[in-house]
């Protein structure tokens, strides 16, 4: 009679390999996901005075700056929250955001990162391509609700939020100035103007104390790929 030990040993080896694979999968699932990282650089964030060091990480869905020296400088931007990226110098990447600039009244903030030895052209192209494609889904373009990420422009500065165009009206949700949030029915609006795919002006019947009771306009800059003609036509038809 032949011994069954070799077969039994093979069986144990198979079980061990399965358990090992399962254990590896569980360990990998518990670790921070790194598979969506496209580029990672050690970078120096240039300030008006001085600088700080950290990691600049470009992922499939956002750009992250992790400052080890100054955690308050750390940022995490979705592509739709960025205006554009430029190569300022051979070793310097400029990221233009919608954040208010304290140094430039009414302007938006620029973040400059010095990256030694990095090939920046592919990084610039990758980020700008994702900014341009941060658009409405095809279904949302031709039907309500239509949702766009926006910057609400003030007389001084701005705030960021979301505009939702519904069948019965418009809702603006401000992320950082709750007092700016609004909800309008179409019958209460004078008009909605769109000078370009990246701008929309909602003309309301609200009275503004600072301008002797003049009716108030809310001006928005649309982030990402803007608002297509099809979407705007849907909205405009509700006011006619």
Foldseek 3Di string as FASTA:
>chain_A
DDDCVVVVVVVVVVVVVVVVVVVVVVVVVPDDDPPQWDDKFWKWKDDPPGIFTFIWTDGPFWTWTQTPVDRVPTDIGGLLQWDAWDAPDQFKIKTWGLPDDPVDKQGTDIIIIGTPPDRCPVVRVSSRVNQQPPAWDPVLQQAPFNKFWKWWGDPTGTFTFMWTQGLFWIWTCTPPDRVPTDTDGLQQWPAWDDPDLQKIKTFGQAFDVVVVGDTDIIIIGTTGNGRDPNNVVSRRVSND
